[in-house]
Amino acid sequence: QLQAFGGGLVQAGGSLRPSCAASGGIVSLNVMGWYRQTRGQTRELVAAVTSGGRTNYVDSVKGRFTISRDNAKNTVYLQMNDLKPEDTAVYYCNAGHHSYIGFAGGYWGKGTQVTVSS
């Protein structure tokens, strides 16, 4: 399973650093990442990282968000800086054994709410 921590409420311009850990025998994950979803919208990829360190970001967060991972701990982090109200969403951790960084993997965590006030 994937377990996410670190969502919350923050003012615009602030920062958050959610993390997500894989457990329960899930190993050898190639792609780990974060998706987000607001009510009535489809879930979108925010950022992803491969076990080799290659990253992929949605254009709206480039320069503000940084994804990283600790392969030994099976954990992925999302450093979110200069947060904007439009970043408000439920953020979902995702992981898989697949190769293409733009696809979602088969493992999903429960969402964590991020709310940015103006």
Protein backbone atom coordinates (compact mmCIF):
# COMPACT_ATOMS: atom_id res chain seq x y z
CA GLN A 1 0.00 0.00 0.00
CA LEU A 2 0.95 3.64 -0.37
CA GLN A 3 0.57 5.97 2.58
CA ALA A 4 0.78 9.72 2.14
CA PHE A 5 1.51 12.37 4.74
CA GLY A 6 1.93 16.12 4.78
CA GLY A 7 -1.02 17.81 3.16
CA GLY A 8 -2.62 20.78 4.87
CA LEU A 9 -3.72 24.38 4.76
CA VAL A 10 -1.27 27.10 3.79
CA GLN A 11 -1.40 30.69 2.63
CA ALA A 12 -0.49 31.65 -0.90
CA GLY A 13 3.27 31.81 -1.29
CA GLY A 14 3.81 29.19 1.38
CA SER A 15 5.30 25.71 1.18
CA LEU A 16 4.37 22.12 1.93
CA ARG A 17 6.30 18.87 1.58
CA PRO A 18 4.05 15.83 1.42
CA SER A 19 5.63 12.41 1.42
CA CYS A 20 4.44 8.97 0.44
CA ALA A 21 5.84 5.61 1.50
CA ALA A 22 5.25 2.22 -0.07
CA SER A 23 4.90 -0.72 2.26
CA GLY A 24 3.42 -4.17 2.48
CA GLY A 25 5.93 -5.87 0.25
CA ILE A 26 5.73 -3.43 -2.65
CA VAL A 27 9.26 -3.32 -4.03
CA SER A 28 11.14 -2.50 -7.22
CA LEU A 29 8.95 0.44 -8.06
CA ASN A 30 10.23 2.22 -11.15
CA VAL A 31 7.91 5.23 -11.30
CA MET A 32 6.59 7.11 -8.25
CA GLY A 33 4.62 10.30 -8.49
CA TRP A 34 1.82 12.60 -7.46
CA TYR A 35 -1.49 13.31 -9.11
CA ARG A 36 -4.11 15.84 -8.08
CA GLN A 37 -7.82 16.21 -8.55
CA THR A 38 -10.36 18.92 -7.91
CA ARG A 39 -14.10 18.41 -7.86
CA GLY A 40 -15.49 17.82 -11.31
CA GLN A 41 -12.09 17.57 -12.92
CA THR A 42 -10.06 14.62 -14.11
CA ARG A 43 -7.06 13.56 -12.10
CA GLU A 44 -3.89 15.08 -13.52
CA LEU A 45 -0.24 14.18 -13.21
CA VAL A 46 1.63 16.75 -11.12
CA ALA A 47 5.08 15.21 -11.00
CA ALA A 48 6.75 11.83 -11.31
CA VAL A 49 10.23 10.40 -10.85
CA THR A 50 11.84 7.16 -11.95
CA SER A 51 14.12 5.01 -9.86
CA GLY A 52 16.97 6.40 -11.95
CA GLY A 53 16.09 9.99 -11.09
CA ARG A 54 14.40 11.12 -14.28
CA THR A 55 11.58 13.56 -13.56
CA ASN A 56 8.44 14.84 -15.26
CA TYR A 57 6.32 17.85 -14.23
CA VAL A 58 3.11 19.42 -15.39
CA ASP A 59 3.87 22.87 -16.81
CA SER A 60 1.94 24.74 -14.13
CA VAL A 61 4.27 23.60 -11.33
CA LYS A 62 7.63 23.78 -13.07
CA GLY A 63 10.03 25.95 -11.10
CA ARG A 64 7.88 25.71 -7.96
CA PHE A 65 7.60 21.99 -7.17
CA THR A 66 10.42 19.48 -6.84
CA ILE A 67 9.90 15.73 -6.69
CA SER A 68 12.46 13.42 -5.14
CA ARG A 69 12.62 9.89 -3.81
CA ASP A 70 14.56 7.68 -1.47
CA ASN A 71 14.74 4.30 -3.16
CA ALA A 72 16.00 2.57 -0.04
CA LYS A 73 12.93 3.75 1.86
CA ASN A 74 10.50 3.36 -1.05
CA THR A 75 9.43 6.92 -0.36
CA VAL A 76 8.66 9.84 -2.65
CA TYR A 77 8.55 13.51 -1.64
CA LEU A 78 7.00 16.56 -3.24
CA GLN A 79 8.49 19.89 -2.21
CA MET A 80 5.86 22.49 -3.08
CA ASN A 81 7.00 26.11 -2.92
CA ASP A 82 5.27 29.36 -3.83
CA LEU A 83 1.90 27.67 -3.57
CA LYS A 84 -1.04 29.28 -5.34
CA PRO A 85 -4.79 28.97 -4.74
CA GLU A 86 -5.07 27.04 -7.99
CA ASP A 87 -2.88 24.33 -6.46
CA THR A 88 -5.74 23.50 -4.11
CA ALA A 89 -6.73 19.89 -4.71
CA VAL A 90 -6.66 16.40 -3.31
CA TYR A 91 -3.20 15.01 -4.00
CA TYR A 92 -2.77 11.29 -4.65
CA CYS A 93 0.42 9.31 -4.46
CA ASN A 94 0.95 6.83 -7.28
CA ALA A 95 3.54 4.19 -8.07
CA GLY A 96 4.18 1.33 -10.41
CA HIS A 97 6.64 -1.02 -12.05
CA HIS A 98 6.07 0.40 -15.52
CA SER A 99 8.61 2.20 -17.67
CA TYR A 100 6.88 5.25 -19.09
CA ILE A 101 6.99 8.16 -16.64
CA GLY A 102 3.87 9.75 -18.08
CA PHE A 103 1.61 6.82 -17.18
CA ALA A 104 0.08 6.06 -13.82
CA GLY A 105 1.11 2.91 -12.03
CA GLY A 106 -1.11 0.35 -10.42
CA TYR A 107 -0.72 1.51 -6.84
CA TRP A 108 -2.65 4.47 -5.43
CA GLY A 109 -2.59 6.02 -2.00
CA LYS A 110 -5.50 7.69 -0.30
CA GLY A 111 -5.63 11.36 -1.15
CA THR A 112 -4.29 14.11 1.01
CA GLN A 113 -5.96 17.52 0.90
CA VAL A 114 -3.88 20.58 0.03
CA THR A 115 -5.64 23.90 0.45
CA VAL A 116 -4.02 27.21 -0.45
CA SER A 117 -5.76 30.33 0.77
CA SER A 118 -5.39 33.65 -0.99
